Amino acid sequence: MSQHSVEPTHDDSPALQPDSAGRWVSRLLKGIAVGIGAILPGLSGGVLAVIFKLYDPLIRFLAKPFRNFWRNVMFFIPVGIGGLLGVLGFAYVVEAAFGKYAAQFVCLFIGFVIGTFPSLYRQAGKRGRSTKHLVIMAISAAAIFAVMLIGGQSGELLQVYPSIPVWFGSGALIGLGVIVPGMSPSNFLIYFGLYDKMATGIKDGDLTTIIPLAISLIACVLLFAKAAAWAFDRHHAGMYHFILGMVIGSSLAIFPTVVFPAFTEKGLADAGLSLPVAVLFAVALLVVGVIASYLFSKVEDKYSDQREALEEAAQA
């Protein structure tokens, strides 16, 4: 492994820094979480990429792939491996746990969001914050909350039968979930009756499912990455507050659409839990997620501040 790693920065001039096994594994674990979030109902791979501070450097790399190409590749190799492991791990291992205790484990991921909110809010205001930006955040939160809530109540209205063109469309939908944090493609796939079929296809190694999904996902991300990078350059505060609103709204919408139904009589019977145990299980995982992500974000902020100080010193 290379002796150095690259932390992509806002000006597309990555700073060369010593790499270590810990940093490499950290990026691997982040990739696993993003991969799981990409196909986990109620969550968004884009949201988790924002939380783990991978979203901005990824968008900028994809928008200008030949600038510092190899440095960026070395940085994102563990992220890519982790993303693949996350998708496959969900299909083979995590699927069983989430199948029976989906609401409880979703609470773990919601805990990740809550714990990192202070860091995300700080990041959003780094280049200034005004009332306009807070209004943008509120509107985007309300909009995604309404969309997910309405969708969660109409999931049985449409059934789409699997085919190669359908999987191309599904892959593009997942790609949008990476570019647009807060959008949960898996929810839409559930509404169309495709989610379980996609999970089965991935688990069984069905190339007629996997190849169209992968091609269209990559194509969609590449197609919209440049537009996202341009928007961040021109409207940094507005874009970050928009994304922060999407994170808030989508996270809140998960409770009435995913978590609370698990506490109904049918949900409790499917999980084989009593109401007190189900609630305590969910609360415990929520608290674990909050504490873990808060501590993790504090470490990330420390390294981020150190990188910015080094860059300012180098430019002085």
Protein backbone atom coordinates (compact mmCIF):
# COMPACT_ATOMS: atom_id res chain seq x y z
CA MET A 1 0.00 0.00 0.00
CA SER A 2 1.16 3.52 -0.73
CA GLN A 3 2.93 5.44 2.01
CA HIS A 4 0.61 8.37 1.58
CA SER A 5 -3.07 9.02 1.28
CA VAL A 6 -5.03 11.85 -0.17
CA GLU A 7 -7.73 13.85 1.51
CA PRO A 8 -9.60 15.59 -1.32
CA THR A 9 -10.29 19.23 -0.57
CA HIS A 10 -12.73 21.86 -1.76
CA ASP A 11 -10.29 23.41 -4.22
CA ASP A 12 -9.61 20.08 -5.98
CA SER A 13 -6.01 20.17 -4.77
CA PRO A 14 -5.71 17.10 -2.55
CA ALA A 15 -3.33 17.38 0.35
CA LEU A 16 -0.75 14.61 0.58
CA GLN A 17 -0.86 13.10 4.05
CA PRO A 18 0.56 9.99 5.70
CA ASP A 19 -1.73 7.02 5.33
CA SER A 20 -2.12 4.36 7.96
CA ALA A 21 -3.91 1.07 8.35
CA GLY A 22 -6.39 2.82 10.65
CA ARG A 23 -7.30 5.48 8.08
CA TRP A 24 -7.61 2.87 5.32
CA VAL A 25 -9.88 0.68 7.46
CA SER A 26 -11.87 3.75 8.48
CA ARG A 27 -12.63 4.54 4.83
CA LEU A 28 -13.46 0.87 4.24
CA LEU A 29 -16.01 0.90 7.08
CA LYS A 30 -17.52 4.14 5.78
CA GLY A 31 -17.91 2.52 2.36
CA ILE A 32 -19.64 -0.50 3.90
CA ALA A 33 -22.11 1.78 5.67
CA VAL A 34 -22.80 3.76 2.47
CA GLY A 35 -23.31 0.51 0.52
CA ILE A 36 -25.81 -0.76 3.07
CA GLY A 37 -27.55 2.62 3.15
CA ALA A 38 -27.88 2.59 -0.64
CA ILE A 39 -30.17 -0.44 -0.57
CA LEU A 40 -31.57 -0.30 2.97
CA PRO A 41 -35.25 0.76 3.07
CA GLY A 42 -35.74 4.23 4.51
CA LEU A 43 -32.12 5.30 4.18
CA SER A 44 -29.98 6.93 1.53
CA GLY A 45 -26.42 6.16 0.54
CA GLY A 46 -26.03 9.85 -0.19
CA VAL A 47 -27.04 10.79 3.36
CA LEU A 48 -24.44 8.45 4.83
CA ALA A 49 -21.82 9.75 2.38
CA VAL A 50 -22.55 13.26 3.68
CA ILE A 51 -22.40 12.09 7.29
CA PHE A 52 -19.03 10.42 6.74
CA LYS A 53 -17.73 13.45 4.77
CA LEU A 54 -17.29 11.48 1.57
CA TYR A 55 -19.96 13.23 -0.48
CA ASP A 56 -18.18 16.47 -1.38
CA PRO A 57 -14.80 14.92 -2.36
CA LEU A 58 -16.57 12.15 -4.29
CA ILE A 59 -18.70 14.58 -6.29
CA ARG A 60 -15.67 16.75 -7.09
CA PHE A 61 -13.61 13.74 -8.13
CA LEU A 62 -16.33 12.44 -10.43
CA ALA A 63 -16.93 15.91 -11.87
CA LYS A 64 -13.23 16.25 -12.76
CA PRO A 65 -11.95 12.66 -12.82
CA PHE A 66 -8.60 13.38 -14.48
CA ARG A 67 -7.49 15.99 -11.96
CA ASN A 68 -5.25 14.29 -9.39
CA PHE A 69 -6.63 11.02 -10.75
CA TRP A 70 -4.36 8.50 -9.06
CA ARG A 71 -4.33 10.31 -5.74
CA ASN A 72 -8.12 10.29 -5.65
CA VAL A 73 -8.25 6.68 -6.79
CA MET A 74 -5.99 5.63 -3.92
CA PHE A 75 -8.20 7.53 -1.49
CA PHE A 76 -11.45 6.00 -2.76
CA ILE A 77 -10.27 2.39 -3.28
CA PRO A 78 -11.21 1.31 0.28
CA VAL A 79 -14.47 3.26 0.00
CA GLY A 80 -15.36 1.41 -3.21
CA ILE A 81 -14.42 -1.97 -1.74
CA GLY A 82 -16.47 -1.18 1.33
CA GLY A 83 -19.48 -0.12 -0.74
CA LEU A 84 -19.39 -3.43 -2.62
CA LEU A 85 -19.04 -5.36 0.63
CA GLY A 86 -21.93 -3.40 2.09
CA VAL A 87 -24.25 -4.31 -0.77
CA LEU A 88 -23.21 -7.97 -0.79
CA GLY A 89 -23.16 -8.17 3.00
CA PHE A 90 -26.70 -6.83 3.12
CA ALA A 91 -27.86 -9.39 0.59
CA TYR A 92 -26.15 -12.35 2.29
CA VAL A 93 -25.88 -11.57 5.99
CA VAL A 94 -27.57 -8.38 7.07
CA GLU A 95 -30.74 -9.22 5.15
CA ALA A 96 -31.76 -11.76 7.80
CA ALA A 97 -31.37 -9.33 10.70
CA PHE A 98 -33.06 -6.47 8.91
CA GLY A 99 -35.77 -8.76 7.63
CA LYS A 100 -36.94 -9.58 11.15
CA TYR A 101 -35.77 -6.54 13.09
CA ALA A 102 -35.77 -3.93 10.32
CA ALA A 103 -37.24 -1.13 12.42
CA GLN A 104 -34.77 -1.62 15.25
CA PHE A 105 -31.70 -1.66 13.01
CA VAL A 106 -32.99 1.32 11.04
CA CYS A 107 -32.98 3.15 14.39
CA LEU A 108 -29.24 2.46 14.58
CA PHE A 109 -28.74 4.32 11.31
CA ILE A 110 -31.03 7.14 12.44
CA GLY A 111 -28.78 7.39 15.49
CA PHE A 112 -25.85 7.89 13.11
CA VAL A 113 -27.69 10.85 11.60
CA ILE A 114 -28.60 12.43 14.95
CA GLY A 115 -25.10 12.07 16.34
CA THR A 116 -23.46 13.76 13.37
CA PHE A 117 -26.01 16.58 13.04
CA PRO A 118 -23.87 19.12 14.97
CA SER A 119 -20.95 18.41 12.64
CA LEU A 120 -23.15 18.64 9.53
CA TYR A 121 -24.68 21.91 10.71
CA ARG A 122 -21.20 23.32 11.33
CA GLN A 123 -20.07 22.22 7.87
CA ALA A 124 -23.12 23.80 6.25
CA GLY A 125 -22.34 27.19 7.81
CA LYS A 126 -18.61 27.30 7.08
CA ARG A 127 -19.05 29.89 4.33
CA GLY A 128 -21.81 31.82 6.05
CA ARG A 129 -25.41 31.26 7.07
CA SER A 130 -28.41 33.55 6.72
CA THR A 131 -32.16 33.35 7.25
CA LYS A 132 -32.51 32.40 3.58
CA HIS A 133 -30.41 29.29 4.14
CA LEU A 134 -32.45 28.25 7.17
CA VAL A 135 -35.62 28.65 5.10
CA ILE A 136 -34.09 26.45 2.38
CA MET A 137 -33.30 23.84 5.01
CA ALA A 138 -36.84 23.93 6.41
CA ILE A 139 -38.50 23.70 2.99
CA SER A 140 -36.34 20.80 1.82
CA ALA A 141 -36.97 18.96 5.11
CA ALA A 142 -40.74 19.42 4.81
CA ALA A 143 -40.76 18.43 1.12
CA ILE A 144 -38.86 15.16 1.48
CA PHE A 145 -40.83 14.31 4.63
CA ALA A 146 -44.13 14.76 2.74
CA VAL A 147 -42.92 12.78 -0.29
CA MET A 148 -41.74 9.85 1.83
CA LEU A 149 -44.85 9.91 4.02
CA ILE A 150 -47.21 9.91 1.03
CA GLY A 151 -45.17 7.23 -0.68
CA GLY A 152 -45.16 5.10 2.45
CA GLN A 153 -48.94 5.11 2.45
CA SER A 154 -49.30 4.16 -1.20
CA GLY A 155 -46.72 1.43 -1.58
CA GLU A 156 -49.17 -1.19 -2.83
CA LEU A 157 -50.59 0.89 -5.68
CA LEU A 158 -48.09 -0.12 -8.35
CA GLN A 159 -46.41 -3.39 -9.25
CA VAL A 160 -43.63 -3.48 -11.83
CA TYR A 161 -42.35 -6.79 -13.20
CA PRO A 162 -38.56 -7.31 -13.37
CA SER A 163 -36.78 -7.02 -16.70
CA ILE A 164 -33.43 -5.73 -17.94
CA PRO A 165 -34.88 -2.26 -18.79
CA VAL A 166 -36.50 -2.14 -15.35
CA TRP A 167 -33.18 -2.93 -13.67
CA PHE A 168 -31.52 -0.18 -15.71
CA GLY A 169 -34.12 2.23 -14.35
CA SER A 170 -33.66 0.89 -10.83
CA GLY A 171 -29.90 1.39 -11.01
CA ALA A 172 -30.40 4.98 -12.14
CA LEU A 173 -32.76 5.49 -9.20
CA ILE A 174 -30.11 4.21 -6.78
CA GLY A 175 -27.57 6.50 -8.47
CA LEU A 176 -29.85 9.46 -7.81
CA GLY A 177 -29.91 8.41 -4.16
CA VAL A 178 -26.14 8.93 -4.10
CA ILE A 179 -26.29 12.34 -5.81
CA VAL A 180 -29.38 13.55 -3.91
CA PRO A 181 -28.86 12.88 -0.18
CA GLY A 182 -32.13 12.20 1.59
CA MET A 183 -33.66 10.36 -1.33
CA SER A 184 -34.19 6.69 -0.45
CA PRO A 185 -34.30 4.66 -3.67
CA SER A 186 -35.07 1.47 -1.77
CA ASN A 187 -38.40 2.90 -0.65
CA PHE A 188 -39.40 3.47 -4.27
CA LEU A 189 -38.25 -0.03 -5.21
CA ILE A 190 -40.44 -1.41 -2.42
CA TYR A 191 -43.39 0.60 -3.73
CA PHE A 192 -42.85 -0.90 -7.19
CA GLY A 193 -42.55 -4.45 -5.79
CA LEU A 194 -38.91 -4.72 -6.93
CA TYR A 195 -36.94 -4.50 -3.71
CA ASP A 196 -37.11 -8.15 -2.64
CA LYS A 197 -36.43 -9.27 -6.21
CA MET A 198 -33.37 -7.02 -6.41
CA ALA A 199 -32.02 -8.39 -3.10
CA THR A 200 -32.57 -11.96 -4.30
CA GLY A 201 -30.89 -11.25 -7.63
CA ILE A 202 -27.82 -9.77 -5.94
CA LYS A 203 -27.64 -12.62 -3.43
CA ASP A 204 -27.92 -15.24 -6.16
CA GLY A 205 -25.36 -13.53 -8.40
CA ASP A 206 -27.89 -13.03 -11.20
CA LEU A 207 -25.97 -11.07 -13.85
CA THR A 208 -29.17 -10.02 -15.63
CA THR A 209 -29.96 -8.09 -12.46
CA ILE A 210 -26.50 -7.02 -11.31
CA ILE A 211 -25.04 -5.77 -14.62
CA PRO A 212 -27.91 -3.40 -15.58
CA LEU A 213 -28.06 -2.11 -12.01
CA ALA A 214 -24.31 -1.41 -11.90
CA ILE A 215 -24.07 0.18 -15.36
CA SER A 216 -26.99 2.55 -14.89
CA LEU A 217 -25.98 3.45 -11.32
CA ILE A 218 -22.47 4.44 -12.41
CA ALA A 219 -23.76 6.28 -15.49
CA CYS A 220 -26.27 8.27 -13.44
CA VAL A 221 -23.68 9.29 -10.85
CA LEU A 222 -21.19 10.38 -13.52
CA LEU A 223 -23.88 12.26 -15.44
CA PHE A 224 -25.04 14.37 -12.49
CA ALA A 225 -21.75 14.71 -10.57
CA LYS A 226 -20.57 17.71 -12.61
CA ALA A 227 -23.87 19.51 -12.06
CA ALA A 228 -23.67 18.86 -8.31
CA ALA A 229 -20.06 20.10 -8.14
CA TRP A 230 -21.02 23.28 -10.03
CA ALA A 231 -23.90 23.89 -7.62
CA PHE A 232 -21.62 23.50 -4.59
CA ASP A 233 -19.06 25.90 -6.05
CA ARG A 234 -21.66 28.58 -6.83
CA HIS A 235 -24.08 28.07 -3.93
CA HIS A 236 -22.12 26.35 -1.17
CA ALA A 237 -24.24 27.41 1.81
CA GLY A 238 -27.53 26.98 -0.03
CA MET A 239 -26.65 23.48 -1.25
CA TYR A 240 -25.41 22.32 2.13
CA HIS A 241 -28.51 23.61 3.92
CA PHE A 242 -30.68 22.00 1.24
CA ILE A 243 -28.93 18.68 1.83
CA LEU A 244 -29.12 19.12 5.60
CA GLY A 245 -32.87 19.65 5.27
CA MET A 246 -33.14 16.50 3.17
CA VAL A 247 -31.25 14.58 5.86
CA ILE A 248 -33.56 15.88 8.59
CA GLY A 249 -36.79 15.32 6.65
CA SER A 250 -35.92 11.84 5.41
CA SER A 251 -34.78 10.78 8.88
CA LEU A 252 -38.00 11.98 10.51
CA ALA A 253 -40.10 10.28 7.82
CA ILE A 254 -38.56 6.92 8.63
CA PHE A 255 -40.34 6.81 11.99
CA PRO A 256 -43.96 6.80 10.72
CA THR A 257 -43.13 4.78 7.59
CA VAL A 258 -40.71 2.14 8.92
CA VAL A 259 -40.32 2.23 12.71
CA PHE A 260 -43.81 2.77 14.10
CA PRO A 261 -45.47 0.03 11.97
CA ALA A 262 -43.14 -2.44 13.69
CA PHE A 263 -44.86 -1.66 16.99
CA THR A 264 -48.30 -2.68 15.72
CA GLU A 265 -49.77 -6.06 16.56
CA LYS A 266 -48.77 -7.49 13.18
CA GLY A 267 -45.27 -5.98 13.33
CA LEU A 268 -44.64 -7.37 16.80
CA ALA A 269 -45.89 -10.82 15.74
CA ASP A 270 -43.57 -10.84 12.69
CA ALA A 271 -40.58 -9.93 14.86
CA GLY A 272 -41.57 -12.26 17.69
CA LEU A 273 -41.18 -9.46 20.25
CA SER A 274 -43.37 -7.92 22.91
CA LEU A 275 -44.03 -4.18 22.73
CA PRO A 276 -41.70 -3.26 25.65
CA VAL A 277 -38.85 -5.36 24.25
CA ALA A 278 -39.32 -4.01 20.72
CA VAL A 279 -39.29 -0.40 21.94
CA LEU A 280 -36.30 -0.91 24.25
CA PHE A 281 -34.41 -2.69 21.45
CA ALA A 282 -35.06 0.23 19.10
CA VAL A 283 -34.14 2.87 21.69
CA ALA A 284 -30.95 1.02 22.63
CA LEU A 285 -29.74 0.86 19.02
CA LEU A 286 -30.72 4.50 18.49
CA VAL A 287 -28.62 5.55 21.50
CA VAL A 288 -25.68 3.41 20.36
CA GLY A 289 -25.85 5.03 16.93
CA VAL A 290 -25.99 8.55 18.37
CA ILE A 291 -23.03 8.05 20.73
CA ALA A 292 -20.88 6.22 18.19
CA SER A 293 -21.45 8.72 15.39
CA TYR A 294 -21.03 11.75 17.68
CA LEU A 295 -17.66 10.52 18.89
CA PHE A 296 -16.68 9.57 15.36
CA SER A 297 -17.67 12.98 13.99
CA LYS A 298 -15.60 14.72 16.68
CA VAL A 299 -12.52 12.82 15.50
CA GLU A 300 -13.38 13.62 11.86
CA ASP A 301 -13.76 17.33 12.70
CA LYS A 302 -10.39 17.32 14.43
CA TYR A 303 -8.65 15.89 11.37
CA SER A 304 -10.60 18.25 9.10
CA ASP A 305 -9.48 21.29 11.12
CA GLN A 306 -5.88 20.07 11.02
CA ARG A 307 -6.04 19.67 7.21
CA GLU A 308 -7.45 23.17 6.78
CA ALA A 309 -4.72 24.64 9.01
CA LEU A 310 -2.02 22.89 6.97
CA GLU A 311 -3.52 24.12 3.72
CA GLU A 312 -3.73 27.72 4.97
CA ALA A 313 -0.11 27.54 6.15
CA ALA A 314 1.01 26.17 2.77
CA GLN A 315 -0.77 28.99 0.95
CA ALA A 316 0.63 31.72 3.24
